[in-house]
Amino acid sequence: MHRTISMLFLGLLGAGVAGSSLGCSSTGIAVREAFGQAKREQLVDRVQDARDEQEEAKEQFATTLEEFKALTGFEGGDLEATYSRLSRELGRSEDQAGDVRAKIRSVERVGDALFREWTSELDAYESDTLRRASEDQLRATERRYSELVGAMHRAEDTMEPVLSAFRDQVLFLKHNLNAQAIASLETSVGELESDIERLINEMEASIAEANAFIDAMDS
């Protein structure tokens, strides 16, 4: 039994190595399915991961904003150390944004695989009644999934403008570590606060959609 599972795993892995990156992704899904995790369960897991990543990103962006606000109130001390701390927070925000994007792509890969399989298997039904019931369930799940992915992308789209503004300010400070440069931040912090508020709102809307989708899939 263990030998059979191992051979199956190696066969699937070999197919993934020979294929494209998309093929590798499909192989990963297939391997998990071979070990008993259905695509439906994988999708719920990926949605949970994406939701948790968005929670962390929301907190990280807020932390970076607080570092900017603290810098505008700078009243003396080590400017270089203050700049370094701000630069680190920017880096963490960029990393977190990258993780969010990766988790969303992961949700989409499993979702696409699930709905392709579900659609193709409708023709396997002998019973028209069961086929129609399954198709109705498929369409309802697709609608919920579409709303979820739309919310995730809206949240994702709000990250880059904030990151761009953060990068500009950090780069400016890198070359102008003086009181005048610090004072110039005050005019942009208000805009950053507004952008962060919008980002957090979109993240929370996406997280709510994820929770609703998970509840619907588990019911």
N, C-alpha and C. Protein backbone atom coordinates (compact mmCIF):
# COMPACT_ATOMS: atom_id res chain seq x y z
N MET A 1 0.83 -1.20 0.00
CA MET A 1 0.00 0.00 0.00
C MET A 1 0.87 1.26 0.00
N HIS A 2 1.87 1.28 0.91
CA HIS A 2 2.76 2.43 0.98
C HIS A 2 3.56 2.58 -0.30
N ARG A 3 3.94 1.41 -0.89
CA ARG A 3 4.71 1.44 -2.14
C ARG A 3 3.85 2.03 -3.26
N THR A 4 2.57 1.64 -3.29
CA THR A 4 1.66 2.15 -4.32
C THR A 4 1.51 3.65 -4.22
N ILE A 5 1.32 4.17 -2.99
CA ILE A 5 1.17 5.61 -2.78
C ILE A 5 2.45 6.34 -3.17
N SER A 6 3.60 5.74 -2.78
CA SER A 6 4.88 6.37 -3.11
C SER A 6 5.08 6.45 -4.61
N MET A 7 4.74 5.35 -5.33
CA MET A 7 4.89 5.36 -6.78
C MET A 7 3.98 6.37 -7.42
N LEU A 8 2.76 6.49 -6.88
CA LEU A 8 1.82 7.48 -7.40
C LEU A 8 2.37 8.88 -7.20
N PHE A 9 2.91 9.13 -6.01
CA PHE A 9 3.48 10.46 -5.71
C PHE A 9 4.63 10.78 -6.66
N LEU A 10 5.54 9.79 -6.86
CA LEU A 10 6.68 10.03 -7.73
C LEU A 10 6.25 10.23 -9.17
N GLY A 11 5.22 9.48 -9.59
CA GLY A 11 4.72 9.64 -10.95
C GLY A 11 4.14 11.01 -11.18
N LEU A 12 3.35 11.47 -10.22
CA LEU A 12 2.76 12.80 -10.33
C LEU A 12 3.83 13.88 -10.27
N LEU A 13 4.82 13.70 -9.39
CA LEU A 13 5.89 14.67 -9.27
C LEU A 13 6.70 14.74 -10.55
N GLY A 14 6.96 13.57 -11.15
CA GLY A 14 7.70 13.55 -12.39
C GLY A 14 6.97 14.26 -13.50
N ALA A 15 5.66 14.09 -13.54
CA ALA A 15 4.85 14.78 -14.55
C ALA A 15 4.94 16.27 -14.36
N GLY A 16 4.99 16.70 -13.09
CA GLY A 16 5.07 18.14 -12.82
C GLY A 16 6.40 18.72 -13.24
N VAL A 17 7.50 17.96 -13.02
CA VAL A 17 8.82 18.44 -13.40
C VAL A 17 8.91 18.59 -14.90
N ALA A 18 8.28 17.67 -15.63
CA ALA A 18 8.35 17.71 -17.08
C ALA A 18 7.47 18.79 -17.67
N GLY A 19 6.47 19.24 -16.92
CA GLY A 19 5.52 20.22 -17.45
C GLY A 19 5.91 21.64 -17.15
N SER A 20 5.00 22.54 -17.48
CA SER A 20 5.20 23.97 -17.23
C SER A 20 4.91 24.27 -15.78
N SER A 21 5.05 25.58 -15.40
CA SER A 21 4.75 25.98 -14.02
C SER A 21 3.29 25.73 -13.71
N LEU A 22 2.42 25.93 -14.72
CA LEU A 22 0.99 25.62 -14.52
C LEU A 22 0.82 24.15 -14.28
N GLY A 23 1.60 23.32 -15.03
CA GLY A 23 1.53 21.88 -14.83
C GLY A 23 1.97 21.50 -13.44
N CYS A 24 3.00 22.17 -12.95
CA CYS A 24 3.49 21.89 -11.59
C CYS A 24 2.42 22.22 -10.56
N SER A 25 1.72 23.34 -10.78
CA SER A 25 0.65 23.71 -9.87
C SER A 25 -0.44 22.66 -9.88
N SER A 26 -0.79 22.19 -11.09
CA SER A 26 -1.81 21.15 -11.21
C SER A 26 -1.37 19.87 -10.53
N THR A 27 -0.08 19.56 -10.64
CA THR A 27 0.45 18.37 -10.00
C THR A 27 0.33 18.47 -8.48
N GLY A 28 0.61 19.66 -7.94
CA GLY A 28 0.48 19.84 -6.50
C GLY A 28 -0.94 19.59 -6.04
N ILE A 29 -1.90 20.07 -6.80
CA ILE A 29 -3.31 19.85 -6.48
C ILE A 29 -3.63 18.37 -6.56
N ALA A 30 -3.12 17.70 -7.61
CA ALA A 30 -3.39 16.28 -7.80
C ALA A 30 -2.76 15.43 -6.70
N VAL A 31 -1.55 15.81 -6.28
CA VAL A 31 -0.89 15.05 -5.21
C VAL A 31 -1.70 15.11 -3.92
N ARG A 32 -2.17 16.31 -3.58
CA ARG A 32 -2.98 16.45 -2.37
C ARG A 32 -4.28 15.64 -2.49
N GLU A 33 -4.84 15.64 -3.68
CA GLU A 33 -6.07 14.87 -3.89
C GLU A 33 -5.80 13.38 -3.75
N ALA A 34 -4.64 12.94 -4.24
CA ALA A 34 -4.27 11.53 -4.14
C ALA A 34 -4.11 11.09 -2.70
N PHE A 35 -3.75 12.04 -1.83
CA PHE A 35 -3.59 11.73 -0.41
C PHE A 35 -4.86 12.05 0.39
N GLY A 36 -5.97 12.24 -0.31
CA GLY A 36 -7.27 12.32 0.36
C GLY A 36 -7.85 13.69 0.55
N GLN A 37 -7.19 14.74 0.05
CA GLN A 37 -7.74 16.09 0.21
C GLN A 37 -8.39 16.52 -1.10
N ALA A 38 -9.72 16.48 -1.12
CA ALA A 38 -10.46 16.83 -2.33
C ALA A 38 -10.23 18.30 -2.71
N LYS A 39 -10.46 18.60 -3.98
CA LYS A 39 -10.26 19.98 -4.45
C LYS A 39 -11.12 20.97 -3.67
N ARG A 40 -12.32 20.56 -3.31
CA ARG A 40 -13.19 21.43 -2.54
C ARG A 40 -12.53 21.81 -1.20
N GLU A 41 -11.95 20.82 -0.53
CA GLU A 41 -11.26 21.08 0.74
C GLU A 41 -10.01 21.93 0.52
N GLN A 42 -9.30 21.66 -0.56
CA GLN A 42 -8.11 22.46 -0.86
C GLN A 42 -8.47 23.92 -1.09
N LEU A 43 -9.59 24.14 -1.78
CA LEU A 43 -10.02 25.51 -2.05
C LEU A 43 -10.34 26.24 -0.75
N VAL A 44 -11.05 25.57 0.15
CA VAL A 44 -11.37 26.19 1.44
C VAL A 44 -10.09 26.52 2.20
N ASP A 45 -9.12 25.61 2.18
CA ASP A 45 -7.84 25.86 2.85
C ASP A 45 -7.13 27.06 2.25
N ARG A 46 -7.13 27.16 0.92
CA ARG A 46 -6.44 28.28 0.26
C ARG A 46 -7.14 29.60 0.57
N VAL A 47 -8.45 29.57 0.62
CA VAL A 47 -9.20 30.79 0.95
C VAL A 47 -8.88 31.22 2.39
N GLN A 48 -8.81 30.26 3.29
CA GLN A 48 -8.45 30.57 4.68
C GLN A 48 -7.05 31.18 4.75
N ASP A 49 -6.11 30.62 3.99
CA ASP A 49 -4.74 31.15 3.97
C ASP A 49 -4.72 32.58 3.44
N ALA A 50 -5.46 32.83 2.35
CA ALA A 50 -5.51 34.17 1.77
C ALA A 50 -6.14 35.16 2.74
N ARG A 51 -7.19 34.73 3.41
CA ARG A 51 -7.84 35.59 4.41
C ARG A 51 -6.87 35.96 5.53
N ASP A 52 -6.14 34.97 6.05
CA ASP A 52 -5.20 35.22 7.15
C ASP A 52 -4.06 36.13 6.68
N GLU A 53 -3.63 35.95 5.44
CA GLU A 53 -2.55 36.79 4.91
C GLU A 53 -3.01 38.24 4.78
N GLN A 54 -4.26 38.44 4.39
CA GLN A 54 -4.79 39.79 4.29
C GLN A 54 -4.91 40.45 5.67
N GLU A 55 -5.26 39.67 6.67
CA GLU A 55 -5.30 40.19 8.04
C GLU A 55 -3.91 40.70 8.44
N GLU A 56 -2.88 39.91 8.15
CA GLU A 56 -1.52 40.29 8.51
C GLU A 56 -1.08 41.52 7.71
N ALA A 57 -1.45 41.56 6.44
CA ALA A 57 -1.07 42.70 5.59
C ALA A 57 -1.73 43.98 6.09
N LYS A 58 -2.97 43.88 6.47
CA LYS A 58 -3.70 45.04 6.99
C LYS A 58 -2.97 45.62 8.21
N GLU A 59 -2.55 44.75 9.09
CA GLU A 59 -1.84 45.19 10.30
C GLU A 59 -0.47 45.77 9.96
N GLN A 60 0.23 45.16 8.99
CA GLN A 60 1.57 45.63 8.63
C GLN A 60 1.51 47.02 7.98
N PHE A 61 0.55 47.24 7.09
CA PHE A 61 0.43 48.55 6.47
C PHE A 61 0.11 49.62 7.51
N ALA A 62 -0.73 49.28 8.45
CA ALA A 62 -1.06 50.23 9.52
C ALA A 62 0.18 50.54 10.36
N THR A 63 1.00 49.52 10.63
CA THR A 63 2.22 49.73 11.39
C THR A 63 3.19 50.65 10.65
N THR A 64 3.31 50.45 9.34
CA THR A 64 4.20 51.30 8.54
C THR A 64 3.72 52.74 8.55
N LEU A 65 2.42 52.93 8.47
CA LEU A 65 1.88 54.29 8.54
C LEU A 65 2.22 54.93 9.87
N GLU A 66 2.11 54.17 10.95
CA GLU A 66 2.44 54.71 12.27
C GLU A 66 3.90 55.14 12.35
N GLU A 67 4.78 54.42 11.67
CA GLU A 67 6.19 54.80 11.65
C GLU A 67 6.37 56.15 10.92
N PHE A 68 5.63 56.34 9.83
CA PHE A 68 5.67 57.62 9.13
C PHE A 68 5.16 58.75 10.01
N LYS A 69 4.07 58.49 10.70
CA LYS A 69 3.49 59.53 11.55
C LYS A 69 4.43 59.87 12.70
N ALA A 70 5.09 58.86 13.24
CA ALA A 70 6.04 59.11 14.33
C ALA A 70 7.21 59.95 13.84
N LEU A 71 7.61 59.71 12.59
CA LEU A 71 8.74 60.44 12.05
C LEU A 71 8.42 61.92 11.86
N THR A 72 7.17 62.22 11.53
CA THR A 72 6.80 63.64 11.33
C THR A 72 6.88 64.41 12.65
N GLY A 73 6.81 63.71 13.75
CA GLY A 73 6.93 64.37 15.05
C GLY A 73 8.33 64.31 15.62
N PHE A 74 9.27 64.01 14.74
CA PHE A 74 10.67 63.86 15.18
C PHE A 74 11.18 65.16 15.82
N GLU A 75 11.78 65.03 17.01
CA GLU A 75 12.25 66.22 17.74
C GLU A 75 13.72 66.10 18.13
N GLY A 76 14.45 65.39 17.35
CA GLY A 76 15.86 65.23 17.65
C GLY A 76 16.21 63.78 17.92
N GLY A 77 17.48 63.44 17.75
CA GLY A 77 17.90 62.07 17.96
C GLY A 77 18.63 61.56 16.73
N ASP A 78 18.67 60.26 16.58
CA ASP A 78 19.41 59.62 15.49
C ASP A 78 18.50 59.48 14.27
N LEU A 79 18.64 60.41 13.32
CA LEU A 79 17.82 60.38 12.12
C LEU A 79 18.09 59.13 11.29
N GLU A 80 19.34 58.71 11.24
CA GLU A 80 19.70 57.54 10.44
C GLU A 80 18.98 56.29 10.96
N ALA A 81 18.97 56.15 12.28
CA ALA A 81 18.30 54.98 12.87
C ALA A 81 16.80 55.05 12.62
N THR A 82 16.24 56.25 12.69
CA THR A 82 14.81 56.41 12.44
C THR A 82 14.47 56.05 11.00
N TYR A 83 15.32 56.52 10.08
CA TYR A 83 15.12 56.18 8.66
C TYR A 83 15.23 54.67 8.44
N SER A 84 16.22 54.05 9.06
CA SER A 84 16.42 52.60 8.90
C SER A 84 15.20 51.82 9.37
N ARG A 85 14.62 52.25 10.47
CA ARG A 85 13.42 51.58 11.00
C ARG A 85 12.26 51.72 10.02
N LEU A 86 12.12 52.90 9.45
CA LEU A 86 11.06 53.14 8.48
C LEU A 86 11.27 52.30 7.22
N SER A 87 12.52 52.22 6.79
CA SER A 87 12.84 51.43 5.61
C SER A 87 12.54 49.95 5.84
N ARG A 88 12.82 49.46 7.04
CA ARG A 88 12.51 48.05 7.37
C ARG A 88 11.01 47.80 7.32
N GLU A 89 10.23 48.75 7.82
CA GLU A 89 8.77 48.57 7.80
C GLU A 89 8.24 48.56 6.36
N LEU A 90 8.84 49.40 5.51
CA LEU A 90 8.47 49.37 4.09
C LEU A 90 8.76 48.01 3.49
N GLY A 91 9.94 47.47 3.78
CA GLY A 91 10.29 46.15 3.28
C GLY A 91 9.33 45.07 3.74
N ARG A 92 8.92 45.15 4.99
CA ARG A 92 7.96 44.18 5.51
C ARG A 92 6.60 44.32 4.82
N SER A 93 6.21 45.56 4.55
CA SER A 93 4.94 45.78 3.85
C SER A 93 5.00 45.22 2.43
N GLU A 94 6.14 45.40 1.76
CA GLU A 94 6.30 44.86 0.41
C GLU A 94 6.25 43.34 0.43
N ASP A 95 6.92 42.74 1.40
CA ASP A 95 6.91 41.28 1.52
C ASP A 95 5.49 40.78 1.79
N GLN A 96 4.78 41.47 2.66
CA GLN A 96 3.41 41.07 3.01
C GLN A 96 2.50 41.18 1.80
N ALA A 97 2.67 42.25 1.02
CA ALA A 97 1.88 42.43 -0.20
C ALA A 97 2.15 41.29 -1.18
N GLY A 98 3.42 40.90 -1.31
CA GLY A 98 3.77 39.79 -2.18
C GLY A 98 3.13 38.49 -1.73
N ASP A 99 3.08 38.28 -0.42
CA ASP A 99 2.44 37.08 0.12
C ASP A 99 0.94 37.07 -0.17
N VAL A 100 0.31 38.23 -0.05
CA VAL A 100 -1.12 38.32 -0.35
C VAL A 100 -1.38 37.96 -1.80
N ARG A 101 -0.58 38.53 -2.70
CA ARG A 101 -0.75 38.24 -4.14
C ARG A 101 -0.59 36.75 -4.41
N ALA A 102 0.42 36.14 -3.79
CA ALA A 102 0.67 34.72 -4.00
C ALA A 102 -0.50 33.87 -3.51
N LYS A 103 -1.06 34.24 -2.37
CA LYS A 103 -2.19 33.47 -1.82
C LYS A 103 -3.42 33.59 -2.72
N ILE A 104 -3.62 34.77 -3.29
CA ILE A 104 -4.78 34.96 -4.20
C ILE A 104 -4.59 34.09 -5.44
N ARG A 105 -3.37 34.07 -6.00
CA ARG A 105 -3.11 33.23 -7.17
C ARG A 105 -3.35 31.76 -6.82
N SER A 106 -2.99 31.37 -5.62
CA SER A 106 -3.18 29.99 -5.18
C SER A 106 -4.67 29.64 -5.11
N VAL A 107 -5.47 30.56 -4.59
CA VAL A 107 -6.93 30.36 -4.56
C VAL A 107 -7.45 30.17 -5.98
N GLU A 108 -7.00 31.00 -6.90
CA GLU A 108 -7.50 30.94 -8.27
C GLU A 108 -7.11 29.64 -8.96
N ARG A 109 -5.90 29.15 -8.71
CA ARG A 109 -5.48 27.89 -9.33
C ARG A 109 -6.37 26.73 -8.90
N VAL A 110 -6.62 26.65 -7.61
CA VAL A 110 -7.46 25.54 -7.12
C VAL A 110 -8.91 25.74 -7.55
N GLY A 111 -9.40 26.98 -7.50
CA GLY A 111 -10.77 27.26 -7.92
C GLY A 111 -10.99 26.88 -9.37
N ASP A 112 -10.07 27.27 -10.24
CA ASP A 112 -10.19 26.93 -11.66
C ASP A 112 -10.21 25.43 -11.88
N ALA A 113 -9.34 24.72 -11.16
CA ALA A 113 -9.28 23.26 -11.29
C ALA A 113 -10.58 22.62 -10.81
N LEU A 114 -11.10 23.10 -9.70
CA LEU A 114 -12.34 22.55 -9.15
C LEU A 114 -13.50 22.73 -10.11
N PHE A 115 -13.66 23.94 -10.65
CA PHE A 115 -14.82 24.21 -11.50
C PHE A 115 -14.70 23.53 -12.87
N ARG A 116 -13.49 23.37 -13.37
CA ARG A 116 -13.31 22.62 -14.62
C ARG A 116 -13.73 21.17 -14.43
N GLU A 117 -13.28 20.58 -13.33
CA GLU A 117 -13.61 19.18 -13.05
C GLU A 117 -15.11 19.01 -12.84
N TRP A 118 -15.69 19.88 -12.05
CA TRP A 118 -17.12 19.80 -11.73
C TRP A 118 -17.96 19.90 -13.01
N THR A 119 -17.60 20.84 -13.88
CA THR A 119 -18.33 21.02 -15.14
C THR A 119 -18.21 19.80 -16.03
N SER A 120 -17.00 19.26 -16.14
CA SER A 120 -16.78 18.10 -17.02
C SER A 120 -17.52 16.86 -16.51
N GLU A 121 -17.74 16.77 -15.21
CA GLU A 121 -18.37 15.57 -14.65
C GLU A 121 -19.89 15.62 -14.68
N LEU A 122 -20.45 16.75 -15.06
CA LEU A 122 -21.92 16.82 -15.15
C LEU A 122 -22.47 15.81 -16.17
N ASP A 123 -21.71 15.59 -17.25
CA ASP A 123 -22.17 14.67 -18.29
C ASP A 123 -22.13 13.22 -17.84
N ALA A 124 -21.49 12.95 -16.72
CA ALA A 124 -21.39 11.57 -16.24
C ALA A 124 -22.67 11.09 -15.55
N TYR A 125 -23.58 12.02 -15.23
CA TYR A 125 -24.82 11.65 -14.55
C TYR A 125 -25.77 10.91 -15.49
N GLU A 126 -26.38 9.88 -14.99
CA GLU A 126 -27.46 9.21 -15.70
C GLU A 126 -28.80 9.86 -15.36
N SER A 127 -28.90 10.34 -14.13
CA SER A 127 -30.14 10.95 -13.66
C SER A 127 -30.18 12.43 -14.04
N ASP A 128 -31.21 12.82 -14.80
CA ASP A 128 -31.36 14.24 -15.15
C ASP A 128 -31.61 15.10 -13.91
N THR A 129 -32.34 14.55 -12.96
CA THR A 129 -32.66 15.30 -11.75
C THR A 129 -31.40 15.62 -10.95
N LEU A 130 -30.55 14.61 -10.78
CA LEU A 130 -29.30 14.82 -10.04
C LEU A 130 -28.34 15.74 -10.81
N ARG A 131 -28.35 15.59 -12.15
CA ARG A 131 -27.49 16.46 -12.96
C ARG A 131 -27.89 17.92 -12.79
N ARG A 132 -29.19 18.19 -12.86
CA ARG A 132 -29.66 19.57 -12.71
C ARG A 132 -29.37 20.11 -11.31
N ALA A 133 -29.54 19.24 -10.30
CA ALA A 133 -29.26 19.68 -8.93
C ALA A 133 -27.77 20.02 -8.76
N SER A 134 -26.93 19.17 -9.34
CA SER A 134 -25.49 19.42 -9.26
C SER A 134 -25.11 20.68 -10.03
N GLU A 135 -25.73 20.89 -11.18
CA GLU A 135 -25.43 22.08 -11.97
C GLU A 135 -25.89 23.35 -11.26
N ASP A 136 -27.03 23.28 -10.62
CA ASP A 136 -27.51 24.44 -9.85
C ASP A 136 -26.54 24.77 -8.72
N GLN A 137 -26.07 23.73 -8.05
CA GLN A 137 -25.11 23.94 -6.96
C GLN A 137 -23.80 24.51 -7.50
N LEU A 138 -23.38 24.01 -8.66
CA LEU A 138 -22.16 24.52 -9.29
C LEU A 138 -22.28 26.01 -9.59
N ARG A 139 -23.40 26.41 -10.19
CA ARG A 139 -23.58 27.82 -10.56
C ARG A 139 -23.62 28.72 -9.32
N ALA A 140 -24.27 28.23 -8.27
CA ALA A 140 -24.34 29.02 -7.04
C ALA A 140 -22.94 29.17 -6.42
N THR A 141 -22.17 28.09 -6.44
CA THR A 141 -20.81 28.14 -5.90
C THR A 141 -19.92 29.05 -6.74
N GLU A 142 -20.09 29.00 -8.05
CA GLU A 142 -19.32 29.87 -8.94
C GLU A 142 -19.63 31.35 -8.67
N ARG A 143 -20.88 31.65 -8.41
CA ARG A 143 -21.25 33.04 -8.11
C ARG A 143 -20.59 33.52 -6.83
N ARG A 144 -20.64 32.66 -5.80
CA ARG A 144 -19.99 33.03 -4.53
C ARG A 144 -18.49 33.19 -4.72
N TYR A 145 -17.92 32.29 -5.49
CA TYR A 145 -16.48 32.33 -5.75
C TYR A 145 -16.10 33.59 -6.52
N SER A 146 -16.91 33.96 -7.50
CA SER A 146 -16.64 35.16 -8.29
C SER A 146 -16.67 36.41 -7.41
N GLU A 147 -17.64 36.47 -6.50
CA GLU A 147 -17.71 37.61 -5.58
C GLU A 147 -16.48 37.65 -4.67
N LEU A 148 -16.05 36.48 -4.21
CA LEU A 148 -14.86 36.40 -3.35
C LEU A 148 -13.62 36.88 -4.08
N VAL A 149 -13.38 36.34 -5.26
CA VAL A 149 -12.17 36.70 -6.01
C VAL A 149 -12.19 38.18 -6.39
N GLY A 150 -13.38 38.70 -6.73
CA GLY A 150 -13.50 40.12 -7.04
C GLY A 150 -13.10 40.97 -5.85
N ALA A 151 -13.55 40.59 -4.66
CA ALA A 151 -13.20 41.33 -3.44
C ALA A 151 -11.71 41.24 -3.15
N MET A 152 -11.13 40.07 -3.38
CA MET A 152 -9.70 39.89 -3.16
C MET A 152 -8.89 40.77 -4.10
N HIS A 153 -9.31 40.84 -5.35
CA HIS A 153 -8.57 41.67 -6.31
C HIS A 153 -8.73 43.16 -6.00
N ARG A 154 -9.88 43.56 -5.54
CA ARG A 154 -10.05 44.98 -5.17
C ARG A 154 -9.12 45.33 -4.01
N ALA A 155 -9.01 44.42 -3.04
CA ALA A 155 -8.08 44.65 -1.93
C ALA A 155 -6.64 44.66 -2.42
N GLU A 156 -6.33 43.74 -3.32
CA GLU A 156 -4.98 43.66 -3.87
C GLU A 156 -4.62 44.96 -4.60
N ASP A 157 -5.57 45.49 -5.36
CA ASP A 157 -5.30 46.71 -6.15
C ASP A 157 -5.03 47.93 -5.28
N THR A 158 -5.50 47.92 -4.04
CA THR A 158 -5.28 49.09 -3.17
C THR A 158 -3.87 49.09 -2.56
N MET A 159 -3.17 47.97 -2.66
CA MET A 159 -1.85 47.89 -2.01
C MET A 159 -0.78 48.66 -2.76
N GLU A 160 -0.74 48.55 -4.08
CA GLU A 160 0.36 49.13 -4.84
C GLU A 160 0.43 50.66 -4.74
N PRO A 161 -0.70 51.40 -4.83
CA PRO A 161 -0.59 52.85 -4.66
C PRO A 161 0.00 53.25 -3.30
N VAL A 162 -0.37 52.52 -2.26
CA VAL A 162 0.19 52.81 -0.93
C VAL A 162 1.67 52.50 -0.90
N LEU A 163 2.05 51.35 -1.46
CA LEU A 163 3.47 50.99 -1.49
C LEU A 163 4.28 52.00 -2.29
N SER A 164 3.72 52.47 -3.40
CA SER A 164 4.43 53.46 -4.22
C SER A 164 4.68 54.75 -3.44
N ALA A 165 3.65 55.17 -2.70
CA ALA A 165 3.81 56.39 -1.88
C ALA A 165 4.84 56.17 -0.78
N PHE A 166 4.82 55.00 -0.14
CA PHE A 166 5.82 54.68 0.87
C PHE A 166 7.23 54.71 0.27
N ARG A 167 7.38 54.08 -0.90
CA ARG A 167 8.70 54.01 -1.52
C ARG A 167 9.23 55.40 -1.84
N ASP A 168 8.37 56.25 -2.38
CA ASP A 168 8.80 57.61 -2.73
C ASP A 168 9.31 58.35 -1.50
N GLN A 169 8.57 58.25 -0.41
CA GLN A 169 8.96 58.97 0.80
C GLN A 169 10.26 58.43 1.39
N VAL A 170 10.39 57.11 1.40
CA VAL A 170 11.61 56.50 1.93
C VAL A 170 12.82 56.88 1.07
N LEU A 171 12.63 56.86 -0.25
CA LEU A 171 13.73 57.23 -1.15
C LEU A 171 14.12 58.70 -0.96
N PHE A 172 13.12 59.56 -0.80
CA PHE A 172 13.41 60.98 -0.59
C PHE A 172 14.19 61.19 0.70
N LEU A 173 13.75 60.49 1.74
CA LEU A 173 14.44 60.62 3.03
C LEU A 173 15.86 60.07 2.97
N LYS A 174 16.06 59.05 2.18
CA LYS A 174 17.39 58.45 2.06
C LYS A 174 18.43 59.50 1.65
N HIS A 175 18.02 60.40 0.78
CA HIS A 175 18.95 61.40 0.26
C HIS A 175 18.81 62.76 0.96
N ASN A 176 17.87 62.85 1.87
CA ASN A 176 17.62 64.15 2.51
C ASN A 176 17.32 63.97 4.00
N LEU A 177 18.24 63.39 4.72
CA LEU A 177 18.01 63.14 6.14
C LEU A 177 18.27 64.42 6.94
N ASN A 178 17.28 65.31 6.89
CA ASN A 178 17.39 66.57 7.63
C ASN A 178 16.00 67.02 8.06
N ALA A 179 15.95 68.03 8.88
CA ALA A 179 14.68 68.50 9.45
C ALA A 179 13.72 68.96 8.36
N GLN A 180 14.24 69.58 7.30
CA GLN A 180 13.39 70.07 6.23
C GLN A 180 12.69 68.92 5.52
N ALA A 181 13.43 67.83 5.29
CA ALA A 181 12.84 66.66 4.65
C ALA A 181 11.78 66.03 5.54
N ILE A 182 12.05 65.97 6.84
CA ILE A 182 11.07 65.42 7.78
C ILE A 182 9.80 66.25 7.75
N ALA A 183 9.96 67.58 7.72
CA ALA A 183 8.80 68.47 7.70
C ALA A 183 7.96 68.26 6.45
N SER A 184 8.60 67.90 5.33
CA SER A 184 7.87 67.71 4.08
C SER A 184 6.94 66.50 4.14
N LEU A 185 7.23 65.57 5.05
CA LEU A 185 6.38 64.39 5.19
C LEU A 185 4.98 64.73 5.68
N GLU A 186 4.88 65.80 6.44
CA GLU A 186 3.60 66.14 7.06
C GLU A 186 2.51 66.36 6.03
N THR A 187 2.88 66.89 4.86
CA THR A 187 1.87 67.15 3.83
C THR A 187 1.36 65.87 3.18
N SER A 188 2.16 64.81 3.22
CA SER A 188 1.76 63.56 2.56
C SER A 188 1.15 62.54 3.51
N VAL A 189 1.35 62.73 4.81
CA VAL A 189 0.82 61.75 5.76
C VAL A 189 -0.71 61.70 5.70
N GLY A 190 -1.34 62.85 5.53
CA GLY A 190 -2.80 62.87 5.43
C GLY A 190 -3.30 62.03 4.26
N GLU A 191 -2.62 62.16 3.11
CA GLU A 191 -2.99 61.36 1.94
C GLU A 191 -2.75 59.88 2.20
N LEU A 192 -1.63 59.57 2.84
CA LEU A 192 -1.34 58.18 3.17
C LEU A 192 -2.40 57.60 4.10
N GLU A 193 -2.82 58.37 5.07
CA GLU A 193 -3.86 57.91 5.99
C GLU A 193 -5.14 57.57 5.24
N SER A 194 -5.50 58.42 4.29
CA SER A 194 -6.69 58.19 3.49
C SER A 194 -6.56 56.91 2.65
N ASP A 195 -5.37 56.74 2.04
CA ASP A 195 -5.14 55.54 1.22
C ASP A 195 -5.14 54.28 2.08
N ILE A 196 -4.53 54.37 3.26
CA ILE A 196 -4.49 53.22 4.16
C ILE A 196 -5.90 52.87 4.64
N GLU A 197 -6.69 53.88 4.92
CA GLU A 197 -8.07 53.63 5.35
C GLU A 197 -8.85 52.88 4.27
N ARG A 198 -8.67 53.32 3.02
CA ARG A 198 -9.34 52.63 1.91
C ARG A 198 -8.82 51.20 1.79
N LEU A 199 -7.50 51.02 1.91
CA LEU A 199 -6.93 49.68 1.83
C LEU A 199 -7.50 48.78 2.92
N ILE A 200 -7.56 49.28 4.13
CA ILE A 200 -8.08 48.48 5.24
C ILE A 200 -9.55 48.13 5.02
N ASN A 201 -10.32 49.09 4.51
CA ASN A 201 -11.73 48.81 4.23
C ASN A 201 -11.89 47.71 3.18
N GLU A 202 -11.05 47.77 2.12
CA GLU A 202 -11.13 46.75 1.08
C GLU A 202 -10.66 45.40 1.61
N MET A 203 -9.62 45.41 2.44
CA MET A 203 -9.15 44.17 3.05
C MET A 203 -10.23 43.54 3.92
N GLU A 204 -10.89 44.38 4.72
CA GLU A 204 -11.94 43.85 5.60
C GLU A 204 -13.13 43.32 4.80
N ALA A 205 -13.45 43.98 3.69
CA ALA A 205 -14.54 43.49 2.83
C ALA A 205 -14.16 42.14 2.22
N SER A 206 -12.90 42.01 1.81
CA SER A 206 -12.42 40.76 1.24
C SER A 206 -12.40 39.65 2.29
N ILE A 207 -11.98 39.98 3.49
CA ILE A 207 -11.96 39.00 4.58
C ILE A 207 -13.38 38.53 4.91
N ALA A 208 -14.33 39.47 4.89
CA ALA A 208 -15.73 39.10 5.14
C ALA A 208 -16.26 38.16 4.05
N GLU A 209 -15.90 38.45 2.79
CA GLU A 209 -16.29 37.57 1.68
C GLU A 209 -15.68 36.18 1.85
N ALA A 210 -14.43 36.15 2.29
CA ALA A 210 -13.76 34.86 2.50
C ALA A 210 -14.46 34.06 3.58
N ASN A 211 -14.81 34.71 4.67
CA ASN A 211 -15.52 34.02 5.75
C ASN A 211 -16.88 33.49 5.28
N ALA A 212 -17.59 34.30 4.50
CA ALA A 212 -18.89 33.88 3.98
C ALA A 212 -18.73 32.69 3.04
N PHE A 213 -17.71 32.72 2.20
CA PHE A 213 -17.46 31.62 1.27
C PHE A 213 -17.12 30.34 2.02
N ILE A 214 -16.26 30.46 3.02
CA ILE A 214 -15.87 29.28 3.82
C ILE A 214 -17.10 28.68 4.51
N ASP A 215 -17.93 29.54 5.08
CA ASP A 215 -19.14 29.04 5.76
C ASP A 215 -20.05 28.32 4.78
N ALA A 216 -20.21 28.88 3.57
CA ALA A 216 -21.08 28.27 2.57
C ALA A 216 -20.52 26.93 2.11
N MET A 217 -19.22 26.84 1.95
CA MET A 217 -18.60 25.59 1.48
C MET A 217 -18.64 24.52 2.57
N ASP A 218 -18.61 24.93 3.81
CA ASP A 218 -18.62 23.97 4.93
C ASP A 218 -20.01 23.53 5.32
N SER A 219 -21.03 24.25 4.82
CA SER A 219 -22.40 23.93 5.25
C SER A 219 -22.96 22.73 4.48
